[in-house]
Amino acid sequence: MRGAEPSAPTAPTAAFASYDLEANEGYPEARLSGSIEIVDGCLYYNMGAEPDVLALPADSVVGSDSVIVRGSEFPFGEPVAFGGGGFPSAPSGVTVPSECDADAGVVLAYPLPEDMAP
């Protein structure tokens, strides 16, 4: 008798803009504080003003109540911090999915260096 078949992974609850971390130097020393929100099926980063599309490394994983970025879990709706930078539109090398507002600003988020992590 065979063991139980592994269950299929659940589909992500939201799409996110993505980029190749190794190909993008960015601004990891700039600390951005805010919260992650899901709006119309897309991840956004709210820093107190109009939320911006959240761009994460392409290997990030979106779950039902959090996102995992480079092995660290960031819950939705809670204060979190990333290194990174804000842009009025998607910079070169960032892929923005159709679920996200193409006219919104973009926050390019990087894992914080260990000495800056909360």
N, C-alpha and C. Protein backbone atom coordinates (compact mmCIF):
# COMPACT_ATOMS: atom_id res chain seq x y z
N MET A 1 0.85 -1.17 0.00
CA MET A 1 0.00 0.00 0.00
C MET A 1 0.89 1.23 0.00
N ARG A 2 0.58 2.15 -0.89
CA ARG A 2 1.36 3.37 -0.99
C ARG A 2 0.95 4.37 0.07
N GLY A 3 1.88 5.27 0.40
CA GLY A 3 1.56 6.36 1.33
C GLY A 3 0.66 7.38 0.65
N ALA A 4 0.19 8.30 1.43
CA ALA A 4 -0.69 9.35 0.91
C ALA A 4 0.07 10.21 -0.09
N GLU A 5 -0.63 10.61 -1.12
CA GLU A 5 -0.04 11.51 -2.12
C GLU A 5 0.19 12.87 -1.47
N PRO A 6 1.31 13.51 -1.78
CA PRO A 6 1.51 14.85 -1.21
C PRO A 6 0.46 15.80 -1.76
N SER A 7 0.01 16.67 -0.92
CA SER A 7 -1.00 17.63 -1.37
C SER A 7 -0.34 18.68 -2.26
N ALA A 8 -1.11 19.17 -3.19
CA ALA A 8 -0.60 20.20 -4.10
C ALA A 8 -0.41 21.49 -3.32
N PRO A 9 0.63 22.25 -3.64
CA PRO A 9 0.81 23.52 -2.93
C PRO A 9 -0.37 24.44 -3.20
N THR A 10 -0.71 25.22 -2.20
CA THR A 10 -1.82 26.14 -2.39
C THR A 10 -1.37 27.30 -3.27
N ALA A 11 -2.30 27.81 -4.04
CA ALA A 11 -1.98 28.93 -4.93
C ALA A 11 -1.70 30.17 -4.10
N PRO A 12 -0.81 31.03 -4.57
CA PRO A 12 -0.56 32.27 -3.83
C PRO A 12 -1.85 33.09 -3.72
N THR A 13 -1.96 33.81 -2.62
CA THR A 13 -3.14 34.63 -2.41
C THR A 13 -3.04 35.97 -3.12
N ALA A 14 -1.84 36.33 -3.57
CA ALA A 14 -1.66 37.62 -4.24
C ALA A 14 -0.44 37.55 -5.16
N ALA A 15 -0.51 38.33 -6.21
CA ALA A 15 0.64 38.47 -7.11
C ALA A 15 1.54 39.56 -6.55
N PHE A 16 2.79 39.58 -7.01
CA PHE A 16 3.70 40.65 -6.60
C PHE A 16 4.66 40.97 -7.73
N ALA A 17 5.08 42.22 -7.75
CA ALA A 17 6.11 42.62 -8.70
C ALA A 17 7.40 41.94 -8.27
N SER A 18 8.22 41.55 -9.24
CA SER A 18 9.43 40.80 -8.88
C SER A 18 10.65 41.31 -9.64
N TYR A 19 11.81 40.96 -9.10
CA TYR A 19 13.08 41.32 -9.72
C TYR A 19 14.12 40.28 -9.33
N ASP A 20 15.23 40.26 -10.05
CA ASP A 20 16.34 39.37 -9.78
C ASP A 20 17.27 40.07 -8.79
N LEU A 21 17.32 39.57 -7.57
CA LEU A 21 18.11 40.22 -6.50
C LEU A 21 19.59 40.32 -6.86
N GLU A 22 20.13 39.27 -7.47
CA GLU A 22 21.56 39.29 -7.81
C GLU A 22 21.88 40.29 -8.91
N ALA A 23 20.93 40.60 -9.77
CA ALA A 23 21.17 41.51 -10.90
C ALA A 23 20.84 42.96 -10.57
N ASN A 24 20.34 43.23 -9.37
CA ASN A 24 19.89 44.57 -9.03
C ASN A 24 20.56 45.01 -7.73
N GLU A 25 21.40 46.00 -7.80
CA GLU A 25 22.13 46.46 -6.61
C GLU A 25 21.22 47.17 -5.62
N GLY A 26 20.37 48.06 -6.08
CA GLY A 26 19.41 48.73 -5.23
C GLY A 26 20.01 49.53 -4.09
N TYR A 27 19.23 49.70 -3.05
CA TYR A 27 19.61 50.52 -1.90
C TYR A 27 19.35 49.75 -0.61
N PRO A 28 20.07 48.66 -0.37
CA PRO A 28 19.75 47.86 0.82
C PRO A 28 19.98 48.60 2.13
N GLU A 29 20.77 49.69 2.09
CA GLU A 29 21.04 50.42 3.34
C GLU A 29 19.92 51.40 3.71
N ALA A 30 18.98 51.65 2.81
CA ALA A 30 17.85 52.53 3.10
C ALA A 30 16.75 51.72 3.78
N ARG A 31 16.40 52.08 4.99
CA ARG A 31 15.40 51.31 5.74
C ARG A 31 14.02 51.90 5.48
N LEU A 32 13.10 51.06 5.01
CA LEU A 32 11.73 51.47 4.74
C LEU A 32 10.80 50.75 5.70
N SER A 33 10.03 51.50 6.47
CA SER A 33 9.10 50.91 7.43
C SER A 33 7.68 51.08 6.93
N GLY A 34 6.89 50.02 7.03
CA GLY A 34 5.50 50.07 6.59
C GLY A 34 4.82 48.75 6.87
N SER A 35 3.76 48.48 6.13
CA SER A 35 3.06 47.20 6.26
C SER A 35 2.69 46.69 4.87
N ILE A 36 2.62 45.38 4.76
CA ILE A 36 2.26 44.73 3.50
C ILE A 36 0.76 44.53 3.47
N GLU A 37 0.14 44.91 2.35
CA GLU A 37 -1.31 44.77 2.18
C GLU A 37 -1.60 44.08 0.85
N ILE A 38 -2.73 43.41 0.80
CA ILE A 38 -3.22 42.85 -0.46
C ILE A 38 -4.36 43.74 -0.93
N VAL A 39 -4.23 44.27 -2.14
CA VAL A 39 -5.26 45.12 -2.74
C VAL A 39 -5.56 44.55 -4.13
N ASP A 40 -6.78 44.12 -4.35
CA ASP A 40 -7.19 43.58 -5.65
C ASP A 40 -6.24 42.50 -6.17
N GLY A 41 -5.77 41.63 -5.28
CA GLY A 41 -4.94 40.51 -5.70
C GLY A 41 -3.48 40.83 -5.90
N CYS A 42 -3.02 42.00 -5.45
CA CYS A 42 -1.62 42.41 -5.61
C CYS A 42 -1.06 42.84 -4.26
N LEU A 43 0.23 42.55 -4.03
CA LEU A 43 0.89 43.02 -2.80
C LEU A 43 1.30 44.48 -2.94
N TYR A 44 0.97 45.26 -1.92
CA TYR A 44 1.35 46.66 -1.84
C TYR A 44 2.07 46.90 -0.53
N TYR A 45 2.88 47.97 -0.49
CA TYR A 45 3.60 48.37 0.72
C TYR A 45 3.08 49.73 1.14
N ASN A 46 2.53 49.80 2.35
CA ASN A 46 1.95 51.04 2.85
C ASN A 46 2.89 51.66 3.86
N MET A 47 3.43 52.83 3.51
CA MET A 47 4.33 53.55 4.42
C MET A 47 3.65 54.78 5.00
N GLY A 48 2.31 54.79 4.98
CA GLY A 48 1.57 55.88 5.58
C GLY A 48 0.89 56.81 4.60
N ALA A 49 1.24 56.73 3.35
CA ALA A 49 0.59 57.54 2.31
C ALA A 49 -0.14 56.58 1.37
N GLU A 50 -0.16 56.88 0.11
CA GLU A 50 -0.77 55.98 -0.88
C GLU A 50 0.10 54.72 -1.00
N PRO A 51 -0.48 53.53 -0.84
CA PRO A 51 0.34 52.30 -0.95
C PRO A 51 0.96 52.17 -2.34
N ASP A 52 2.18 51.63 -2.37
CA ASP A 52 2.90 51.38 -3.61
C ASP A 52 2.96 49.88 -3.88
N VAL A 53 3.06 49.52 -5.16
CA VAL A 53 3.26 48.12 -5.52
C VAL A 53 4.55 47.65 -4.87
N LEU A 54 4.52 46.47 -4.27
CA LEU A 54 5.69 45.92 -3.60
C LEU A 54 6.44 44.98 -4.53
N ALA A 55 7.68 45.32 -4.85
CA ALA A 55 8.53 44.48 -5.69
C ALA A 55 9.49 43.71 -4.78
N LEU A 56 9.46 42.39 -4.89
CA LEU A 56 10.28 41.51 -4.06
C LEU A 56 11.18 40.65 -4.93
N PRO A 57 12.23 40.06 -4.32
CA PRO A 57 13.02 39.11 -5.09
C PRO A 57 12.12 38.02 -5.67
N ALA A 58 12.43 37.58 -6.88
CA ALA A 58 11.57 36.64 -7.61
C ALA A 58 11.35 35.33 -6.87
N ASP A 59 12.25 34.93 -5.97
CA ASP A 59 12.08 33.66 -5.27
C ASP A 59 11.26 33.79 -3.98
N SER A 60 10.65 34.95 -3.74
CA SER A 60 9.79 35.14 -2.57
C SER A 60 8.54 34.28 -2.71
N VAL A 61 7.94 33.91 -1.57
CA VAL A 61 6.76 33.04 -1.57
C VAL A 61 5.64 33.73 -0.80
N VAL A 62 4.49 33.86 -1.45
CA VAL A 62 3.32 34.48 -0.82
C VAL A 62 2.43 33.39 -0.23
N GLY A 63 2.11 33.53 1.05
CA GLY A 63 1.20 32.61 1.72
C GLY A 63 -0.14 33.28 1.99
N SER A 64 -0.93 32.66 2.82
CA SER A 64 -2.26 33.19 3.10
C SER A 64 -2.24 34.39 4.03
N ASP A 65 -1.21 34.50 4.88
CA ASP A 65 -1.17 35.63 5.82
C ASP A 65 0.21 36.27 5.94
N SER A 66 1.13 35.88 5.05
CA SER A 66 2.47 36.45 5.10
C SER A 66 3.20 36.18 3.79
N VAL A 67 4.37 36.79 3.66
CA VAL A 67 5.25 36.54 2.52
C VAL A 67 6.62 36.17 3.08
N ILE A 68 7.28 35.21 2.44
CA ILE A 68 8.62 34.80 2.86
C ILE A 68 9.61 35.35 1.84
N VAL A 69 10.55 36.15 2.34
CA VAL A 69 11.57 36.78 1.51
C VAL A 69 12.93 36.34 2.03
N ARG A 70 13.66 35.60 1.21
CA ARG A 70 14.99 35.12 1.57
C ARG A 70 15.02 34.44 2.94
N GLY A 71 14.00 33.63 3.24
CA GLY A 71 13.95 32.86 4.47
C GLY A 71 13.34 33.58 5.65
N SER A 72 13.02 34.86 5.53
CA SER A 72 12.39 35.61 6.62
C SER A 72 10.92 35.83 6.30
N GLU A 73 10.07 35.62 7.31
CA GLU A 73 8.63 35.76 7.12
C GLU A 73 8.18 37.16 7.55
N PHE A 74 7.34 37.76 6.69
CA PHE A 74 6.80 39.10 6.94
C PHE A 74 5.27 39.01 6.91
N PRO A 75 4.59 39.18 8.07
CA PRO A 75 3.14 39.06 8.11
C PRO A 75 2.43 40.25 7.46
N PHE A 76 1.29 39.98 6.86
CA PHE A 76 0.47 41.04 6.27
C PHE A 76 -0.14 41.88 7.39
N GLY A 77 -0.21 43.20 7.17
CA GLY A 77 -0.89 44.10 8.09
C GLY A 77 -0.11 44.46 9.35
N GLU A 78 1.08 43.91 9.53
CA GLU A 78 1.91 44.21 10.70
C GLU A 78 3.06 45.13 10.28
N PRO A 79 3.60 45.93 11.21
CA PRO A 79 4.76 46.76 10.86
C PRO A 79 5.96 45.87 10.49
N VAL A 80 6.55 46.13 9.34
CA VAL A 80 7.73 45.42 8.88
C VAL A 80 8.71 46.42 8.26
N ALA A 81 9.95 46.02 8.13
CA ALA A 81 10.95 46.90 7.53
C ALA A 81 11.75 46.15 6.47
N PHE A 82 12.05 46.85 5.41
CA PHE A 82 12.88 46.35 4.32
C PHE A 82 13.94 47.39 4.02
N GLY A 83 15.00 46.97 3.36
CA GLY A 83 15.88 47.91 2.71
C GLY A 83 15.28 48.15 1.33
N GLY A 84 15.63 49.22 0.68
CA GLY A 84 15.10 49.41 -0.66
C GLY A 84 14.93 50.86 -1.04
N GLY A 85 14.07 51.07 -2.00
CA GLY A 85 13.84 52.42 -2.48
C GLY A 85 12.49 52.53 -3.17
N GLY A 86 11.96 53.75 -3.22
CA GLY A 86 10.68 54.00 -3.88
C GLY A 86 10.89 54.64 -5.24
N PHE A 87 10.04 54.28 -6.18
CA PHE A 87 10.11 54.78 -7.56
C PHE A 87 8.72 55.19 -8.02
N PRO A 88 8.61 56.22 -8.86
CA PRO A 88 7.29 56.63 -9.35
C PRO A 88 6.66 55.61 -10.30
N SER A 89 7.48 54.76 -10.91
CA SER A 89 7.01 53.68 -11.76
C SER A 89 8.04 52.55 -11.69
N ALA A 90 7.72 51.42 -12.27
CA ALA A 90 8.61 50.27 -12.18
C ALA A 90 9.96 50.54 -12.85
N PRO A 91 11.06 50.40 -12.09
CA PRO A 91 12.37 50.57 -12.71
C PRO A 91 12.71 49.40 -13.63
N SER A 92 13.71 49.58 -14.44
CA SER A 92 14.17 48.53 -15.35
C SER A 92 14.47 47.25 -14.57
N GLY A 93 14.06 46.13 -15.11
CA GLY A 93 14.33 44.85 -14.47
C GLY A 93 13.25 44.38 -13.51
N VAL A 94 12.22 45.20 -13.29
CA VAL A 94 11.11 44.81 -12.40
C VAL A 94 9.93 44.39 -13.25
N THR A 95 9.39 43.22 -12.96
CA THR A 95 8.21 42.71 -13.66
C THR A 95 6.99 42.96 -12.79
N VAL A 96 6.02 43.71 -13.32
CA VAL A 96 4.80 44.02 -12.58
C VAL A 96 3.66 43.22 -13.19
N PRO A 97 2.99 42.36 -12.40
CA PRO A 97 1.90 41.54 -12.95
C PRO A 97 0.65 42.38 -13.24
N SER A 98 -0.23 41.83 -14.05
CA SER A 98 -1.44 42.55 -14.45
C SER A 98 -2.38 42.84 -13.28
N GLU A 99 -2.29 42.10 -12.18
CA GLU A 99 -3.14 42.34 -11.02
C GLU A 99 -2.81 43.65 -10.33
N CYS A 100 -1.63 44.18 -10.59
CA CYS A 100 -1.18 45.39 -9.90
C CYS A 100 -1.46 46.63 -10.74
N ASP A 101 -1.63 47.75 -10.08
CA ASP A 101 -1.91 49.03 -10.74
C ASP A 101 -0.65 49.52 -11.45
N ALA A 102 -0.69 49.55 -12.78
CA ALA A 102 0.46 49.95 -13.59
C ALA A 102 0.84 51.41 -13.37
N ASP A 103 -0.09 52.22 -12.84
CA ASP A 103 0.19 53.64 -12.61
C ASP A 103 0.65 53.95 -11.19
N ALA A 104 0.71 52.94 -10.33
CA ALA A 104 1.12 53.15 -8.95
C ALA A 104 2.64 53.23 -8.86
N GLY A 105 3.11 53.83 -7.78
CA GLY A 105 4.54 53.81 -7.50
C GLY A 105 4.97 52.40 -7.15
N VAL A 106 6.27 52.17 -7.12
CA VAL A 106 6.82 50.85 -6.82
C VAL A 106 7.86 50.97 -5.73
N VAL A 107 7.76 50.12 -4.71
CA VAL A 107 8.79 50.01 -3.69
C VAL A 107 9.58 48.75 -3.99
N LEU A 108 10.86 48.94 -4.27
CA LEU A 108 11.76 47.82 -4.51
C LEU A 108 12.34 47.42 -3.16
N ALA A 109 11.92 46.28 -2.63
CA ALA A 109 12.28 45.87 -1.28
C ALA A 109 13.41 44.84 -1.30
N TYR A 110 14.36 45.03 -0.41
CA TYR A 110 15.51 44.16 -0.25
C TYR A 110 15.53 43.65 1.18
N PRO A 111 16.00 42.43 1.39
CA PRO A 111 16.20 41.99 2.77
C PRO A 111 17.19 42.94 3.45
N LEU A 112 16.90 43.35 4.66
CA LEU A 112 17.80 44.23 5.40
C LEU A 112 19.09 43.50 5.78
N PRO A 113 20.22 44.19 5.77
CA PRO A 113 21.44 43.57 6.29
C PRO A 113 21.22 43.19 7.75
N GLU A 114 21.91 42.17 8.21
CA GLU A 114 21.72 41.65 9.58
C GLU A 114 21.81 42.74 10.64
N ASP A 115 22.73 43.69 10.49
CA ASP A 115 22.90 44.72 11.52
C ASP A 115 21.80 45.78 11.50
N MET A 116 20.92 45.73 10.49
CA MET A 116 19.80 46.69 10.42
C MET A 116 18.45 46.03 10.65
N ALA A 117 18.43 44.71 10.75
CA ALA A 117 17.16 43.99 10.91
C ALA A 117 16.49 44.38 12.21
N PRO A 118 15.15 44.40 12.20
CA PRO A 118 14.44 44.80 13.43
C PRO A 118 14.65 43.81 14.55
